[in-house]
């Protein structure tokens, strides 16, 4: 059986942590920043863990990560 291919778009957006969870960047940080509070923008900088409901699909498109 041939090797599975990694979806490169997903590989650029997700990182695996030491415990095997998937780390992702938060959305809503790219434009229209003037109306967002400083606190809100600061919190958007921090990485988030991918929700458990999506992990099964993410493991399928990132087989070797």
N, C-alpha and C. Protein backbone atom coordinates (compact mmCIF):
# COMPACT_ATOMS: atom_id res chain seq x y z
N UNK A 1 0.84 -1.19 0.00
CA UNK A 1 0.00 0.00 0.00
C UNK A 1 0.89 1.25 0.00
N UNK A 2 0.55 2.24 -0.82
CA UNK A 2 1.40 3.43 -0.87
C UNK A 2 1.28 4.27 0.40
N UNK A 3 2.26 5.13 0.56
CA UNK A 3 2.22 6.03 1.70
C UNK A 3 1.06 7.01 1.57
N UNK A 4 0.53 7.45 2.70
CA UNK A 4 -0.52 8.47 2.69
C UNK A 4 0.13 9.83 2.52
N UNK A 5 -0.56 10.72 1.82
CA UNK A 5 -0.04 12.07 1.64
C UNK A 5 -0.59 12.98 2.72
N UNK A 6 0.28 13.85 3.22
CA UNK A 6 -0.13 14.87 4.18
C UNK A 6 -0.75 16.03 3.41
N UNK A 7 -1.86 16.55 3.91
CA UNK A 7 -2.46 17.75 3.33
C UNK A 7 -1.60 18.93 3.74
N UNK A 8 -0.89 19.53 2.79
CA UNK A 8 0.10 20.54 3.11
C UNK A 8 -0.51 21.80 3.70
N UNK A 9 -1.74 22.15 3.28
CA UNK A 9 -2.39 23.33 3.83
C UNK A 9 -2.61 23.16 5.33
N UNK A 10 -3.00 21.97 5.75
CA UNK A 10 -3.22 21.71 7.17
C UNK A 10 -1.90 21.64 7.92
N UNK A 11 -0.88 21.09 7.30
CA UNK A 11 0.42 20.96 7.95
C UNK A 11 1.01 22.32 8.29
N UNK A 12 0.69 23.34 7.46
CA UNK A 12 1.20 24.68 7.72
C UNK A 12 0.44 25.38 8.83
N UNK A 13 -0.75 24.90 9.15
CA UNK A 13 -1.61 25.58 10.12
C UNK A 13 -1.65 24.93 11.49
N UNK A 14 -1.22 23.67 11.60
CA UNK A 14 -1.31 22.93 12.85
C UNK A 14 0.04 22.38 13.24
N UNK A 15 0.31 22.36 14.55
CA UNK A 15 1.52 21.75 15.08
C UNK A 15 1.12 20.75 16.15
N UNK A 16 1.84 19.68 16.23
CA UNK A 16 1.58 18.70 17.27
C UNK A 16 2.37 19.06 18.52
N UNK A 17 1.73 18.99 19.68
CA UNK A 17 2.42 19.27 20.94
C UNK A 17 3.11 18.00 21.43
N UNK A 18 3.83 18.10 22.51
CA UNK A 18 4.54 16.96 23.06
C UNK A 18 3.61 15.85 23.50
N UNK A 19 2.40 16.20 23.92
CA UNK A 19 1.45 15.18 24.38
C UNK A 19 0.57 14.66 23.25
N UNK A 20 0.79 15.16 22.02
CA UNK A 20 0.04 14.65 20.88
C UNK A 20 -1.19 15.45 20.50
N UNK A 21 -1.45 16.54 21.22
CA UNK A 21 -2.58 17.39 20.85
C UNK A 21 -2.18 18.29 19.70
N UNK A 22 -3.18 18.85 19.02
CA UNK A 22 -2.91 19.73 17.88
C UNK A 22 -3.09 21.18 18.29
N UNK A 23 -2.07 21.97 18.03
CA UNK A 23 -2.06 23.39 18.37
C UNK A 23 -2.39 24.18 17.11
N UNK A 24 -3.19 25.23 17.26
CA UNK A 24 -3.58 26.04 16.11
C UNK A 24 -3.57 27.52 16.49
N UNK A 25 -3.55 28.37 15.48
CA UNK A 25 -3.65 29.81 15.70
C UNK A 25 -5.12 30.21 15.73
N UNK A 26 -5.42 31.28 16.43
CA UNK A 26 -6.80 31.76 16.51
C UNK A 26 -7.13 32.62 15.29
N UNK A 27 -8.41 32.67 14.95
CA UNK A 27 -8.88 33.44 13.81
C UNK A 27 -9.21 34.87 14.24
N UNK A 28 -9.61 35.69 13.27
CA UNK A 28 -10.05 37.08 13.48
C UNK A 28 -8.91 38.02 13.90
N UNK A 29 -7.69 37.76 13.44
CA UNK A 29 -6.56 38.60 13.81
C UNK A 29 -5.90 39.24 12.59
N UNK A 30 -6.55 39.17 11.40
CA UNK A 30 -5.86 39.61 10.20
C UNK A 30 -6.20 41.02 9.76
N UNK A 31 -7.44 41.45 9.92
CA UNK A 31 -7.79 42.80 9.46
C UNK A 31 -8.99 43.31 10.26
N UNK A 32 -9.35 44.56 10.02
CA UNK A 32 -10.40 45.27 10.78
C UNK A 32 -10.06 45.20 12.28
N UNK A 33 -8.85 45.63 12.61
CA UNK A 33 -8.38 45.53 13.99
C UNK A 33 -8.69 46.78 14.81
N UNK A 34 -9.10 47.87 14.17
CA UNK A 34 -9.28 49.11 14.91
C UNK A 34 -10.47 49.03 15.87
N UNK A 35 -11.50 48.29 15.51
CA UNK A 35 -12.67 48.20 16.38
C UNK A 35 -12.53 47.13 17.46
N UNK A 36 -11.49 46.32 17.39
CA UNK A 36 -11.28 45.28 18.39
C UNK A 36 -10.44 45.85 19.53
N UNK A 37 -10.78 45.46 20.75
CA UNK A 37 -10.07 45.99 21.92
C UNK A 37 -8.66 45.40 21.98
N UNK A 38 -7.80 46.10 22.70
CA UNK A 38 -6.43 45.64 22.87
C UNK A 38 -6.39 44.29 23.56
N UNK A 39 -7.25 44.12 24.56
CA UNK A 39 -7.31 42.86 25.29
C UNK A 39 -7.70 41.71 24.36
N UNK A 40 -8.69 41.96 23.51
CA UNK A 40 -9.16 40.93 22.59
C UNK A 40 -8.06 40.54 21.59
N UNK A 41 -7.35 41.55 21.06
CA UNK A 41 -6.27 41.27 20.12
C UNK A 41 -5.11 40.53 20.79
N UNK A 42 -4.83 40.88 22.03
CA UNK A 42 -3.76 40.21 22.78
C UNK A 42 -4.10 38.75 23.00
N UNK A 43 -5.36 38.46 23.32
CA UNK A 43 -5.77 37.08 23.54
C UNK A 43 -5.79 36.27 22.25
N UNK A 44 -5.97 36.93 21.12
CA UNK A 44 -5.95 36.23 19.83
C UNK A 44 -4.54 35.78 19.44
N UNK A 45 -3.52 36.36 20.08
CA UNK A 45 -2.15 35.95 19.78
C UNK A 45 -1.83 34.56 20.30
N UNK A 46 -2.45 34.19 21.39
CA UNK A 46 -2.11 32.94 22.05
C UNK A 46 -2.62 31.75 21.23
N UNK A 47 -1.83 30.67 21.15
CA UNK A 47 -2.31 29.50 20.43
C UNK A 47 -3.42 28.79 21.18
N UNK A 48 -4.23 28.03 20.45
CA UNK A 48 -5.32 27.27 21.05
C UNK A 48 -5.16 25.80 20.68
N UNK A 49 -5.79 24.95 21.45
CA UNK A 49 -5.78 23.52 21.17
C UNK A 49 -6.99 23.19 20.30
N UNK A 50 -6.79 22.37 19.29
CA UNK A 50 -7.88 21.98 18.41
C UNK A 50 -8.94 21.22 19.21
N UNK A 51 -10.20 21.52 18.94
CA UNK A 51 -11.31 20.92 19.66
C UNK A 51 -11.36 19.41 19.44
N UNK A 52 -11.79 18.67 20.45
CA UNK A 52 -11.82 17.21 20.39
C UNK A 52 -12.72 16.69 19.27
N UNK A 53 -13.75 17.47 18.90
CA UNK A 53 -14.66 17.01 17.85
C UNK A 53 -13.99 16.98 16.48
N UNK A 54 -12.89 17.72 16.30
CA UNK A 54 -12.20 17.77 15.01
C UNK A 54 -10.96 16.89 14.95
N UNK A 55 -10.55 16.35 16.07
CA UNK A 55 -9.25 15.67 16.12
C UNK A 55 -9.21 14.45 15.20
N UNK A 56 -10.29 13.69 15.11
CA UNK A 56 -10.31 12.49 14.28
C UNK A 56 -10.04 12.84 12.82
N UNK A 57 -10.70 13.89 12.31
CA UNK A 57 -10.47 14.32 10.94
C UNK A 57 -9.06 14.86 10.75
N UNK A 58 -8.57 15.60 11.74
CA UNK A 58 -7.24 16.19 11.63
C UNK A 58 -6.16 15.12 11.58
N UNK A 59 -6.32 14.05 12.35
CA UNK A 59 -5.33 12.97 12.35
C UNK A 59 -5.30 12.28 10.99
N UNK A 60 -6.45 12.26 10.29
CA UNK A 60 -6.51 11.62 8.98
C UNK A 60 -5.77 12.45 7.92
N UNK A 61 -5.89 13.79 8.00
CA UNK A 61 -5.23 14.60 6.97
C UNK A 61 -3.79 14.95 7.35
N UNK A 62 -3.40 14.65 8.60
CA UNK A 62 -2.01 14.85 9.03
C UNK A 62 -1.46 13.53 9.57
N UNK A 63 -1.25 12.54 8.70
CA UNK A 63 -0.91 11.19 9.19
C UNK A 63 0.45 11.08 9.85
N UNK A 64 1.41 11.92 9.46
CA UNK A 64 2.77 11.76 9.97
C UNK A 64 3.21 12.91 10.86
N UNK A 65 2.29 13.73 11.27
CA UNK A 65 2.67 14.87 12.09
C UNK A 65 2.53 14.55 13.55
